[in-house]
Amino acid sequence: ATTPAIEAALGRVATESFPVYVFLSRQDFAPMMVLEAGAWGIPVATLHKTRSHSILSRMLPKECFVVLNCLSEIGNQRSDLLRAREAMHRYLATIQPSNFLDSVIECLDSKA
């Protein structure tokens, strides 16, 4: 498949269903997939008091993701997920390609 075909398919999934990217990594300290999901309009969630929660808290404004106590809560968090998705769009709009790496490093340093 070509890149435009893949992008079109991902766009349909993001609008026809309600996918959620649940970040559960314990070792990825600069998770670019979280930003990619946000760029596609897929809300991001993580579990409370986990290493992944700590990683996202260092990397992103807290409004950009939803913290769950358990995965079974995800179905009840649609309004919070929608708010987080909008916050992620606003955050991503502040990051310019020319200073992307600096923006990520600054965010990580400020939360250390």
PDB file of N, CA and C in Angstrom:
ATOM      1  N   ALA A   1       0.843  -1.194   0.000  1.00  0.00           N
ATOM      2  CA  ALA A   1       0.000   0.000   0.000  1.00  0.00           C
ATOM      3  C   ALA A   1       0.883   1.250   0.000  1.00  0.00           C
ATOM      4  N   THR A   2       0.369   2.289  -0.587  1.00  0.00           N
ATOM      5  CA  THR A   2       1.102   3.542  -0.649  1.00  0.00           C
ATOM      6  C   THR A   2       0.826   4.376   0.595  1.00  0.00           C
ATOM      7  N   THR A   3       1.688   5.338   0.838  1.00  0.00           N
ATOM      8  CA  THR A   3       1.497   6.216   1.996  1.00  0.00           C
ATOM      9  C   THR A   3       0.146   6.934   1.947  1.00  0.00           C
ATOM     10  N   PRO A   4      -0.265   7.508   0.810  1.00  0.00           N
ATOM     11  CA  PRO A   4      -1.595   8.154   0.778  1.00  0.00           C
ATOM     12  C   PRO A   4      -2.731   7.182   1.092  1.00  0.00           C
ATOM     13  N   ALA A   5      -2.612   5.931   0.632  1.00  0.00           N
ATOM     14  CA  ALA A   5      -3.652   4.940   0.908  1.00  0.00           C
ATOM     15  C   ALA A   5      -3.695   4.612   2.405  1.00  0.00           C
ATOM     16  N   ILE A   6      -2.523   4.481   2.997  1.00  0.00           N
ATOM     17  CA  ILE A   6      -2.463   4.208   4.445  1.00  0.00           C
ATOM     18  C   ILE A   6      -3.038   5.388   5.225  1.00  0.00           C
ATOM     19  N   GLU A   7      -2.661   6.600   4.849  1.00  0.00           N
ATOM     20  CA  GLU A   7      -3.185   7.788   5.520  1.00  0.00           C
ATOM     21  C   GLU A   7      -4.696   7.872   5.393  1.00  0.00           C
ATOM     22  N   ALA A   8      -5.228   7.567   4.216  1.00  0.00           N
ATOM     23  CA  ALA A   8      -6.685   7.600   4.020  1.00  0.00           C
ATOM     24  C   ALA A   8      -7.375   6.558   4.891  1.00  0.00           C
ATOM     25  N   ALA A   9      -6.797   5.356   4.977  1.00  0.00           N
ATOM     26  CA  ALA A   9      -7.376   4.298   5.805  1.00  0.00           C
ATOM     27  C   ALA A   9      -7.358   4.689   7.283  1.00  0.00           C
ATOM     28  N   LEU A  10      -6.254   5.245   7.750  1.00  0.00           N
ATOM     29  CA  LEU A  10      -6.178   5.686   9.152  1.00  0.00           C
ATOM     30  C   LEU A  10      -7.170   6.812   9.427  1.00  0.00           C
ATOM     31  N   GLY A  11      -7.324   7.710   8.490  1.00  0.00           N
ATOM     32  CA  GLY A  11      -8.300   8.786   8.637  1.00  0.00           C
ATOM     33  C   GLY A  11      -9.711   8.253   8.771  1.00  0.00           C
ATOM     34  N   ARG A  12     -10.068   7.231   7.972  1.00  0.00           N
ATOM     35  CA  ARG A  12     -11.404   6.618   8.074  1.00  0.00           C
ATOM     36  C   ARG A  12     -11.598   5.954   9.423  1.00  0.00           C
ATOM     37  N   VAL A  13     -10.595   5.213   9.899  1.00  0.00           N
ATOM     38  CA  VAL A  13     -10.705   4.552  11.200  1.00  0.00           C
ATOM     39  C   VAL A  13     -10.915   5.582  12.299  1.00  0.00           C
ATOM     40  N   ALA A  14     -10.166   6.681  12.244  1.00  0.00           N
ATOM     41  CA  ALA A  14     -10.257   7.707  13.289  1.00  0.00           C
ATOM     42  C   ALA A  14     -11.606   8.403  13.301  1.00  0.00           C
ATOM     43  N   THR A  15     -12.307   8.453  12.157  1.00  0.00           N
ATOM     44  CA  THR A  15     -13.596   9.141  12.126  1.00  0.00           C
ATOM     45  C   THR A  15     -14.789   8.189  12.222  1.00  0.00           C
ATOM     46  N   GLU A  16     -14.638   6.944  11.764  1.00  0.00           N
ATOM     47  CA  GLU A  16     -15.756   5.999  11.752  1.00  0.00           C
ATOM     48  C   GLU A  16     -15.896   5.214  13.049  1.00  0.00           C
ATOM     49  N   SER A  17     -14.848   5.095  13.801  1.00  0.00           N
ATOM     50  CA  SER A  17     -14.902   4.381  15.075  1.00  0.00           C
ATOM     51  C   SER A  17     -14.281   5.278  16.134  1.00  0.00           C
ATOM     52  N   PHE A  18     -14.068   4.768  17.305  1.00  0.00           N
ATOM     53  CA  PHE A  18     -13.481   5.590  18.363  1.00  0.00           C
ATOM     54  C   PHE A  18     -12.262   4.884  18.935  1.00  0.00           C
ATOM     55  N   PRO A  19     -11.162   4.854  18.156  1.00  0.00           N
ATOM     56  CA  PRO A  19      -9.950   4.214  18.666  1.00  0.00           C
ATOM     57  C   PRO A  19      -9.318   5.059  19.766  1.00  0.00           C
ATOM     58  N   VAL A  20      -8.648   4.390  20.669  1.00  0.00           N
ATOM     59  CA  VAL A  20      -7.916   5.056  21.749  1.00  0.00           C
ATOM     60  C   VAL A  20      -6.532   4.419  21.808  1.00  0.00           C
ATOM     61  N   TYR A  21      -5.508   5.259  21.872  1.00  0.00           N
ATOM     62  CA  TYR A  21      -4.144   4.755  22.013  1.00  0.00           C
ATOM     63  C   TYR A  21      -3.858   4.667  23.514  1.00  0.00           C
ATOM     64  N   VAL A  22      -3.718   3.448  24.021  1.00  0.00           N
ATOM     65  CA  VAL A  22      -3.421   3.251  25.437  1.00  0.00           C
ATOM     66  C   VAL A  22      -1.913   3.030  25.557  1.00  0.00           C
ATOM     67  N   PHE A  23      -1.248   4.011  26.143  1.00  0.00           N
ATOM     68  CA  PHE A  23       0.206   3.964  26.300  1.00  0.00           C
ATOM     69  C   PHE A  23       0.536   3.216  27.580  1.00  0.00           C
ATOM     70  N   LEU A  24       1.237   2.083  27.439  1.00  0.00           N
ATOM     71  CA  LEU A  24       1.558   1.247  28.596  1.00  0.00           C
ATOM     72  C   LEU A  24       3.052   0.953  28.728  1.00  0.00           C
ATOM     73  N   SER A  25       3.867   1.647  27.954  1.00  0.00           N
ATOM     74  CA  SER A  25       5.299   1.381  27.962  1.00  0.00           C
ATOM     75  C   SER A  25       5.918   1.690  29.321  1.00  0.00           C
ATOM     76  N   ARG A  26       6.918   0.887  29.674  1.00  0.00           N
ATOM     77  CA  ARG A  26       7.669   1.148  30.898  1.00  0.00           C
ATOM     78  C   ARG A  26       9.049   1.705  30.608  1.00  0.00           C
ATOM     79  N   GLN A  27       9.435   1.773  29.313  1.00  0.00           N
ATOM     80  CA  GLN A  27      10.805   2.153  28.993  1.00  0.00           C
ATOM     81  C   GLN A  27      10.946   3.219  27.925  1.00  0.00           C
ATOM     82  N   ASP A  28       9.918   3.561  27.221  1.00  0.00           N
ATOM     83  CA  ASP A  28      10.009   4.528  26.127  1.00  0.00           C
ATOM     84  C   ASP A  28       9.853   5.933  26.708  1.00  0.00           C
ATOM     85  N   PHE A  29      10.977   6.616  26.934  1.00  0.00           N
ATOM     86  CA  PHE A  29      10.936   7.894  27.635  1.00  0.00           C
ATOM     87  C   PHE A  29      10.646   9.094  26.742  1.00  0.00           C
ATOM     88  N   ALA A  30      10.527   8.882  25.443  1.00  0.00           N
ATOM     89  CA  ALA A  30      10.121   9.936  24.510  1.00  0.00           C
ATOM     90  C   ALA A  30       9.239   9.285  23.441  1.00  0.00           C
ATOM     91  N   PRO A  31       8.045   8.881  23.820  1.00  0.00           N
ATOM     92  CA  PRO A  31       7.191   8.079  22.938  1.00  0.00           C
ATOM     93  C   PRO A  31       6.593   8.874  21.774  1.00  0.00           C
ATOM     94  N   MET A  32       7.253   8.792  20.637  1.00  0.00           N
ATOM     95  CA  MET A  32       6.791   9.520  19.452  1.00  0.00           C
ATOM     96  C   MET A  32       5.451   8.995  18.942  1.00  0.00           C
ATOM     97  N   MET A  33       5.146   7.720  19.212  1.00  0.00           N
ATOM     98  CA  MET A  33       3.858   7.171  18.772  1.00  0.00           C
ATOM     99  C   MET A  33       2.689   7.884  19.450  1.00  0.00           C
ATOM    100  N   VAL A  34       2.893   8.388  20.635  1.00  0.00           N
ATOM    101  CA  VAL A  34       1.842   9.146  21.317  1.00  0.00           C
ATOM    102  C   VAL A  34       1.533  10.413  20.519  1.00  0.00           C
ATOM    103  N   LEU A  35       2.572  11.090  20.070  1.00  0.00           N
ATOM    104  CA  LEU A  35       2.370  12.299  19.260  1.00  0.00           C
ATOM    105  C   LEU A  35       1.747  11.955  17.918  1.00  0.00           C
ATOM    106  N   GLU A  36       2.162  10.846  17.337  1.00  0.00           N
ATOM    107  CA  GLU A  36       1.589  10.400  16.062  1.00  0.00           C
ATOM    108  C   GLU A  36       0.094  10.109  16.228  1.00  0.00           C
ATOM    109  N   ALA A  37      -0.256   9.396  17.282  1.00  0.00           N
ATOM    110  CA  ALA A  37      -1.677   9.117  17.534  1.00  0.00           C
ATOM    111  C   ALA A  37      -2.444  10.425  17.688  1.00  0.00           C
ATOM    112  N   GLY A  38      -1.886  11.344  18.455  1.00  0.00           N
ATOM    113  CA  GLY A  38      -2.535  12.640  18.642  1.00  0.00           C
ATOM    114  C   GLY A  38      -2.711  13.395  17.343  1.00  0.00           C
ATOM    115  N   ALA A  39      -1.721  13.308  16.465  1.00  0.00           N
ATOM    116  CA  ALA A  39      -1.807  13.987  15.178  1.00  0.00           C
ATOM    117  C   ALA A  39      -2.914  13.401  14.314  1.00  0.00           C
ATOM    118  N   TRP A  40      -3.223  12.134  14.486  1.00  0.00           N
ATOM    119  CA  TRP A  40      -4.297  11.486  13.745  1.00  0.00           C
ATOM    120  C   TRP A  40      -5.649  11.661  14.423  1.00  0.00           C
ATOM    121  N   GLY A  41      -5.688  12.353  15.550  1.00  0.00           N
ATOM    122  CA  GLY A  41      -6.958  12.559  16.236  1.00  0.00           C
ATOM    123  C   GLY A  41      -7.370  11.392  17.109  1.00  0.00           C
ATOM    124  N   ILE A  42      -6.409  10.560  17.455  1.00  0.00           N
ATOM    125  CA  ILE A  42      -6.698   9.415  18.321  1.00  0.00           C
ATOM    126  C   ILE A  42      -6.330   9.801  19.745  1.00  0.00           C
ATOM    127  N   PRO A  43      -7.301   9.806  20.655  1.00  0.00           N
ATOM    128  CA  PRO A  43      -7.000  10.193  22.027  1.00  0.00           C
ATOM    129  C   PRO A  43      -6.061   9.195  22.701  1.00  0.00           C
ATOM    130  N   VAL A  44      -5.332   9.703  23.682  1.00  0.00           N
ATOM    131  CA  VAL A  44      -4.311   8.919  24.377  1.00  0.00           C
ATOM    132  C   VAL A  44      -4.739   8.713  25.829  1.00  0.00           C
ATOM    133  N   ALA A  45      -4.529   7.491  26.310  1.00  0.00           N
ATOM    134  CA  ALA A  45      -4.829   7.165  27.707  1.00  0.00           C
ATOM    135  C   ALA A  45      -3.677   6.359  28.277  1.00  0.00           C
ATOM    136  N   THR A  46      -3.595   6.341  29.595  1.00  0.00           N
ATOM    137  CA  THR A  46      -2.606   5.530  30.300  1.00  0.00           C
ATOM    138  C   THR A  46      -3.193   5.126  31.646  1.00  0.00           C
ATOM    139  N   LEU A  47      -2.507   4.266  32.351  1.00  0.00           N
ATOM    140  CA  LEU A  47      -2.988   3.807  33.656  1.00  0.00           C
ATOM    141  C   LEU A  47      -2.351   4.608  34.788  1.00  0.00           C
ATOM    142  N   HIS A  48      -3.159   4.914  35.781  1.00  0.00           N
ATOM    143  CA  HIS A  48      -2.758   5.708  36.948  1.00  0.00           C
ATOM    144  C   HIS A  48      -1.634   5.023  37.724  1.00  0.00           C
ATOM    145  N   LYS A  49      -0.694   5.848  38.168  1.00  0.00           N
ATOM    146  CA  LYS A  49       0.415   5.409  39.025  1.00  0.00           C
ATOM    147  C   LYS A  49       1.252   4.287  38.409  1.00  0.00           C
ATOM    148  N   THR A  50       1.474   4.379  37.102  1.00  0.00           N
ATOM    149  CA  THR A  50       2.346   3.426  36.422  1.00  0.00           C
ATOM    150  C   THR A  50       3.524   4.195  35.852  1.00  0.00           C
ATOM    151  N   ARG A  51       4.512   3.469  35.408  1.00  0.00           N
ATOM    152  CA  ARG A  51       5.658   4.127  34.791  1.00  0.00           C
ATOM    153  C   ARG A  51       5.240   4.873  33.524  1.00  0.00           C
ATOM    154  N   SER A  52       4.295   4.307  32.782  1.00  0.00           N
ATOM    155  CA  SER A  52       3.819   4.980  31.572  1.00  0.00           C
ATOM    156  C   SER A  52       3.134   6.297  31.914  1.00  0.00           C
ATOM    157  N   HIS A  53       2.423   6.348  33.020  1.00  0.00           N
ATOM    158  CA  HIS A  53       1.795   7.595  33.483  1.00  0.00           C
ATOM    159  C   HIS A  53       2.876   8.629  33.784  1.00  0.00           C
ATOM    160  N   SER A  54       3.927   8.195  34.441  1.00  0.00           N
ATOM    161  CA  SER A  54       5.044   9.090  34.754  1.00  0.00           C
ATOM    162  C   SER A  54       5.711   9.616  33.483  1.00  0.00           C
ATOM    163  N   ILE A  55       5.898   8.740  32.505  1.00  0.00           N
ATOM    164  CA  ILE A  55       6.531   9.151  31.239  1.00  0.00           C
ATOM    165  C   ILE A  55       5.676  10.209  30.547  1.00  0.00           C
ATOM    166  N   LEU A  56       4.375   9.948  30.411  1.00  0.00           N
ATOM    167  CA  LEU A  56       3.505  10.919  29.739  1.00  0.00           C
ATOM    168  C   LEU A  56       3.427  12.226  30.512  1.00  0.00           C
ATOM    169  N   SER A  57       3.445  12.152  31.827  1.00  0.00           N
ATOM    170  CA  SER A  57       3.392  13.366  32.648  1.00  0.00           C
ATOM    171  C   SER A  57       4.614  14.240  32.434  1.00  0.00           C
ATOM    172  N   ARG A  58       5.743  13.616  32.130  1.00  0.00           N
ATOM    173  CA  ARG A  58       6.960  14.376  31.845  1.00  0.00           C
ATOM    174  C   ARG A  58       6.963  14.936  30.431  1.00  0.00           C
ATOM    175  N   MET A  59       6.317  14.231  29.514  1.00  0.00           N
ATOM    176  CA  MET A  59       6.409  14.590  28.110  1.00  0.00           C
ATOM    177  C   MET A  59       5.327  15.560  27.634  1.00  0.00           C
ATOM    178  N   LEU A  60       4.137  15.457  28.188  1.00  0.00           N
ATOM    179  CA  LEU A  60       2.982  16.194  27.669  1.00  0.00           C
ATOM    180  C   LEU A  60       2.282  16.992  28.758  1.00  0.00           C
ATOM    181  N   PRO A  61       1.579  18.038  28.363  1.00  0.00           N
ATOM    182  CA  PRO A  61       0.688  18.685  29.327  1.00  0.00           C
ATOM    183  C   PRO A  61      -0.364  17.667  29.783  1.00  0.00           C
ATOM    184  N   LYS A  62      -0.749  17.718  31.035  1.00  0.00           N
ATOM    185  CA  LYS A  62      -1.656  16.698  31.582  1.00  0.00           C
ATOM    186  C   LYS A  62      -3.013  16.668  30.891  1.00  0.00           C
ATOM    187  N   GLU A  63      -3.397  17.749  30.228  1.00  0.00           N
ATOM    188  CA  GLU A  63      -4.686  17.796  29.550  1.00  0.00           C
ATOM    189  C   GLU A  63      -4.687  16.979  28.261  1.00  0.00           C
ATOM    190  N   CYS A  64      -3.524  16.550  27.796  1.00  0.00           N
ATOM    191  CA  CYS A  64      -3.400  15.870  26.501  1.00  0.00           C
ATOM    192  C   CYS A  64      -3.650  14.367  26.560  1.00  0.00           C
ATOM    193  N   PHE A  65      -3.870  13.826  27.746  1.00  0.00           N
ATOM    194  CA  PHE A  65      -4.132  12.392  27.865  1.00  0.00           C
ATOM    195  C   PHE A  65      -5.047  12.139  29.055  1.00  0.00           C
ATOM    196  N   VAL A  66      -5.642  10.967  29.067  1.00  0.00           N
ATOM    197  CA  VAL A  66      -6.564  10.571  30.132  1.00  0.00           C
ATOM    198  C   VAL A  66      -5.898   9.501  30.979  1.00  0.00           C
ATOM    199  N   VAL A  67      -6.037   9.627  32.272  1.00  0.00           N
ATOM    200  CA  VAL A  67      -5.468   8.646  33.200  1.00  0.00           C
ATOM    201  C   VAL A  67      -6.601   7.754  33.705  1.00  0.00           C
ATOM    202  N   LEU A  68      -6.435   6.467  33.510  1.00  0.00           N
ATOM    203  CA  LEU A  68      -7.432   5.477  33.910  1.00  0.00           C
ATOM    204  C   LEU A  68      -6.956   4.720  35.142  1.00  0.00           C
ATOM    205  N   ASN A  69      -7.884   4.351  36.008  1.00  0.00           N
ATOM    206  CA  ASN A  69      -7.531   3.484  37.129  1.00  0.00           C
ATOM    207  C   ASN A  69      -7.416   2.035  36.677  1.00  0.00           C
ATOM    208  N   CYS A  70      -8.223   1.654  35.682  1.00  0.00           N
ATOM    209  CA  CYS A  70      -8.151   0.323  35.079  1.00  0.00           C
ATOM    210  C   CYS A  70      -8.672   0.415  33.652  1.00  0.00           C
ATOM    211  N   LEU A  71      -8.272  -0.517  32.824  1.00  0.00           N
ATOM    212  CA  LEU A  71      -8.645  -0.461  31.415  1.00  0.00           C
ATOM    213  C   LEU A  71     -10.151  -0.546  31.193  1.00  0.00           C
ATOM    214  N   SER A  72     -10.859  -1.196  32.097  1.00  0.00           N
ATOM    215  CA  SER A  72     -12.310  -1.329  31.914  1.00  0.00           C
ATOM    216  C   SER A  72     -13.032   0.015  31.988  1.00  0.00           C
ATOM    217  N   GLU A  73     -12.383   1.057  32.491  1.00  0.00           N
ATOM    218  CA  GLU A  73     -12.987   2.398  32.559  1.00  0.00           C
ATOM    219  C   GLU A  73     -13.058   3.099  31.203  1.00  0.00           C
ATOM    220  N   ILE A  74     -12.316   2.611  30.250  1.00  0.00           N
ATOM    221  CA  ILE A  74     -12.137   3.352  29.002  1.00  0.00           C
ATOM    222  C   ILE A  74     -13.461   3.674  28.313  1.00  0.00           C
ATOM    223  N   GLY A  75     -14.418   2.773  28.365  1.00  0.00           N
ATOM    224  CA  GLY A  75     -15.712   3.006  27.732  1.00  0.00           C
ATOM    225  C   GLY A  75     -16.509   4.121  28.364  1.00  0.00           C
ATOM    226  N   ASN A  76     -16.215   4.441  29.618  1.00  0.00           N
ATOM    227  CA  ASN A  76     -16.939   5.489  30.342  1.00  0.00           C
ATOM    228  C   ASN A  76     -16.247   6.840  30.290  1.00  0.00           C
ATOM    229  N   GLN A  77     -15.154   6.927  29.570  1.00  0.00           N
ATOM    230  CA  GLN A  77     -14.332   8.140  29.568  1.00  0.00           C
ATOM    231  C   GLN A  77     -14.393   8.908  28.246  1.00  0.00           C
ATOM    232  N   ARG A  78     -15.412   8.666  27.441  1.00  0.00           N
ATOM    233  CA  ARG A  78     -15.457   9.263  26.103  1.00  0.00           C
ATOM    234  C   ARG A  78     -15.341  10.787  26.137  1.00  0.00           C
ATOM    235  N   SER A  79     -16.065  11.455  27.013  1.00  0.00           N
ATOM    236  CA  SER A  79     -16.003  12.921  27.041  1.00  0.00           C
ATOM    237  C   SER A  79     -14.610  13.399  27.452  1.00  0.00           C
ATOM    238  N   ASP A  80     -13.984  12.739  28.415  1.00  0.00           N
ATOM    239  CA  ASP A  80     -12.618  13.100  28.812  1.00  0.00           C
ATOM    240  C   ASP A  80     -11.628  12.823  27.681  1.00  0.00           C
ATOM    241  N   LEU A  81     -11.827  11.725  26.973  1.00  0.00           N
ATOM    242  CA  LEU A  81     -10.961  11.396  25.846  1.00  0.00           C
ATOM    243  C   LEU A  81     -11.096  12.425  24.730  1.00  0.00           C
ATOM    244  N   LEU A  82     -12.313  12.884  24.482  1.00  0.00           N
ATOM    245  CA  LEU A  82     -12.520  13.916  23.463  1.00  0.00           C
ATOM    246  C   LEU A  82     -11.841  15.224  23.863  1.00  0.00           C
ATOM    247  N   ARG A  83     -11.939  15.585  25.141  1.00  0.00           N
ATOM    248  CA  ARG A  83     -11.262  16.798  25.621  1.00  0.00           C
ATOM    249  C   ARG A  83      -9.745  16.652  25.490  1.00  0.00           C
ATOM    250  N   ALA A  84      -9.224  15.469  25.830  1.00  0.00           N
ATOM    251  CA  ALA A  84      -7.789  15.227  25.719  1.00  0.00           C
ATOM    252  C   ALA A  84      -7.351  15.287  24.253  1.00  0.00           C
ATOM    253  N   ARG A  85      -8.170  14.778  23.369  1.00  0.00           N
ATOM    254  CA  ARG A  85      -7.845  14.823  21.940  1.00  0.00           C
ATOM    255  C   ARG A  85      -7.727  16.267  21.458  1.00  0.00           C
ATOM    256  N   GLU A  86      -8.666  17.114  21.870  1.00  0.00           N
ATOM    257  CA  GLU A  86      -8.619  18.528  21.489  1.00  0.00           C
ATOM    258  C   GLU A  86      -7.400  19.220  22.093  1.00  0.00           C
ATOM    259  N   ALA A  87      -7.085  18.897  23.344  1.00  0.00           N
ATOM    260  CA  ALA A  87      -5.907  19.485  23.993  1.00  0.00           C
ATOM    261  C   ALA A  87      -4.627  19.060  23.266  1.00  0.00           C
ATOM    262  N   MET A  88      -4.581  17.807  22.838  1.00  0.00           N
ATOM    263  CA  MET A  88      -3.416  17.316  22.096  1.00  0.00           C
ATOM    264  C   MET A  88      -3.278  18.073  20.774  1.00  0.00           C
ATOM    265  N   HIS A  89      -4.392  18.313  20.089  1.00  0.00           N
ATOM    266  CA  HIS A  89      -4.328  19.088  18.836  1.00  0.00           C
ATOM    267  C   HIS A  89      -3.774  20.484  19.088  1.00  0.00           C
ATOM    268  N   ARG A  90      -4.230  21.119  20.151  1.00  0.00           N
ATOM    269  CA  ARG A  90      -3.721  22.462  20.479  1.00  0.00           C
ATOM    270  C   ARG A  90      -2.228  22.409  20.796  1.00  0.00           C
ATOM    271  N   TYR A  91      -1.822  21.410  21.559  1.00  0.00           N
ATOM    272  CA  TYR A  91      -0.405  21.267  21.910  1.00  0.00           C
ATOM    273  C   TYR A  91       0.443  21.027  20.666  1.00  0.00           C
ATOM    274  N   LEU A  92       0.006  20.117  19.808  1.00  0.00           N
ATOM    275  CA  LEU A  92       0.780  19.809  18.605  1.00  0.00           C
ATOM    276  C   LEU A  92       0.885  21.019  17.685  1.00  0.00           C
ATOM    277  N   ALA A  93      -0.119  21.876  17.699  1.00  0.00           N
ATOM    278  CA  ALA A  93      -0.080  23.073  16.858  1.00  0.00           C
ATOM    279  C   ALA A  93       1.012  24.042  17.308  1.00  0.00           C
ATOM    280  N   THR A  94       1.455  23.922  18.550  1.00  0.00           N
ATOM    281  CA  THR A  94       2.506  24.810  19.058  1.00  0.00           C
ATOM    282  C   THR A  94       3.906  24.318  18.697  1.00  0.00           C
ATOM    283  N   ILE A  95       4.003  23.076  18.242  1.00  0.00           N
ATOM    284  CA  ILE A  95       5.302  22.497  17.910  1.00  0.00           C
ATOM    285  C   ILE A  95       5.533  22.657  16.412  1.00  0.00           C
ATOM    286  N   GLN A  96       6.596  23.340  16.063  1.00  0.00           N
ATOM    287  CA  GLN A  96       6.958  23.548  14.663  1.00  0.00           C
ATOM    288  C   GLN A  96       8.005  22.507  14.253  1.00  0.00           C
ATOM    289  N   PRO A  97       7.944  22.033  13.002  1.00  0.00           N
ATOM    290  CA  PRO A  97       8.939  21.035  12.557  1.00  0.00           C
ATOM    291  C   PRO A  97      10.383  21.484  12.777  1.00  0.00           C
ATOM    292  N   SER A  98      10.644  22.765  12.611  1.00  0.00           N
ATOM    293  CA  SER A  98      12.021  23.250  12.741  1.00  0.00           C
ATOM    294  C   SER A  98      12.549  23.189  14.171  1.00  0.00           C
ATOM    295  N   ASN A  99      11.656  23.212  15.150  1.00  0.00           N
ATOM    296  CA  ASN A  99      12.112  23.171  16.543  1.00  0.00           C
ATOM    297  C   ASN A  99      11.489  22.009  17.305  1.00  0.00           C
ATOM    298  N   PHE A 100      11.062  20.974  16.582  1.00  0.00           N
ATOM    299  CA  PHE A 100      10.385  19.852  17.217  1.00  0.00           C
ATOM    300  C   PHE A 100      11.243  19.206  18.302  1.00  0.00           C
ATOM    301  N   LEU A 101      12.473  18.845  17.953  1.00  0.00           N
ATOM    302  CA  LEU A 101      13.347  18.184  18.925  1.00  0.00           C
ATOM    303  C   LEU A 101      13.586  19.073  20.137  1.00  0.00           C
ATOM    304  N   ASP A 102      13.824  20.363  19.903  1.00  0.00           N
ATOM    305  CA  ASP A 102      14.022  21.293  21.016  1.00  0.00           C
ATOM    306  C   ASP A 102      12.781  21.361  21.895  1.00  0.00           C
ATOM    307  N   SER A 103      11.600  21.334  21.280  1.00  0.00           N
ATOM    308  CA  SER A 103      10.342  21.388  22.037  1.00  0.00           C
ATOM    309  C   SER A 103      10.196  20.172  22.938  1.00  0.00           C
ATOM    310  N   VAL A 104      10.511  18.984  22.407  1.00  0.00           N
ATOM    311  CA  VAL A 104      10.399  17.759  23.198  1.00  0.00           C
ATOM    312  C   VAL A 104      11.407  17.785  24.336  1.00  0.00           C
ATOM    313  N   ILE A 105      12.658  18.158  24.056  1.00  0.00           N
ATOM    314  CA  ILE A 105      13.683  18.195  25.097  1.00  0.00           C
ATOM    315  C   ILE A 105      13.326  19.218  26.169  1.00  0.00           C
ATOM    316  N   GLU A 106      12.842  20.374  25.756  1.00  0.00           N
ATOM    317  CA  GLU A 106      12.439  21.399  26.715  1.00  0.00           C
ATOM    318  C   GLU A 106      11.330  20.886  27.625  1.00  0.00           C
ATOM    319  N   CYS A 107      10.359  20.205  27.042  1.00  0.00           N
ATOM    320  CA  CYS A 107       9.253  19.653  27.829  1.00  0.00           C
ATOM    321  C   CYS A 107       9.778  18.621  28.818  1.00  0.00           C
ATOM    322  N   LEU A 108      10.648  17.721  28.368  1.00  0.00           N
ATOM    323  CA  LEU A 108      11.200  16.709  29.260  1.00  0.00           C
ATOM    324  C   LEU A 108      12.037  17.327  30.367  1.00  0.00           C
ATOM    325  N   ASP A 109      12.839  18.334  30.039  1.00  0.00           N
ATOM    326  CA  ASP A 109      13.669  19.001  31.038  1.00  0.00           C
ATOM    327  C   ASP A 109      12.820  19.746  32.068  1.00  0.00           C
ATOM    328  N   SER A 110      11.751  20.373  31.612  1.00  0.00           N
ATOM    329  CA  SER A 110      10.937  21.177  32.527  1.00  0.00           C
ATOM    330  C   SER A 110      10.164  20.330  33.525  1.00  0.00           C
ATOM    331  N   LYS A 111       9.959  19.054  33.206  1.00  0.00           N
ATOM    332  CA  LYS A 111       9.188  18.185  34.089  1.00  0.00           C
ATOM    333  C   LYS A 111      10.077  17.267  34.913  1.00  0.00           C
ATOM    334  N   ALA A 112      11.377  17.383  34.723  1.00  0.00           N
ATOM    335  CA  ALA A 112      12.312  16.499  35.444  1.00  0.00           C
ATOM    336  C   ALA A 112      12.383  16.822  36.915  1.00  0.00           C
TER     337      ALA A 112
END
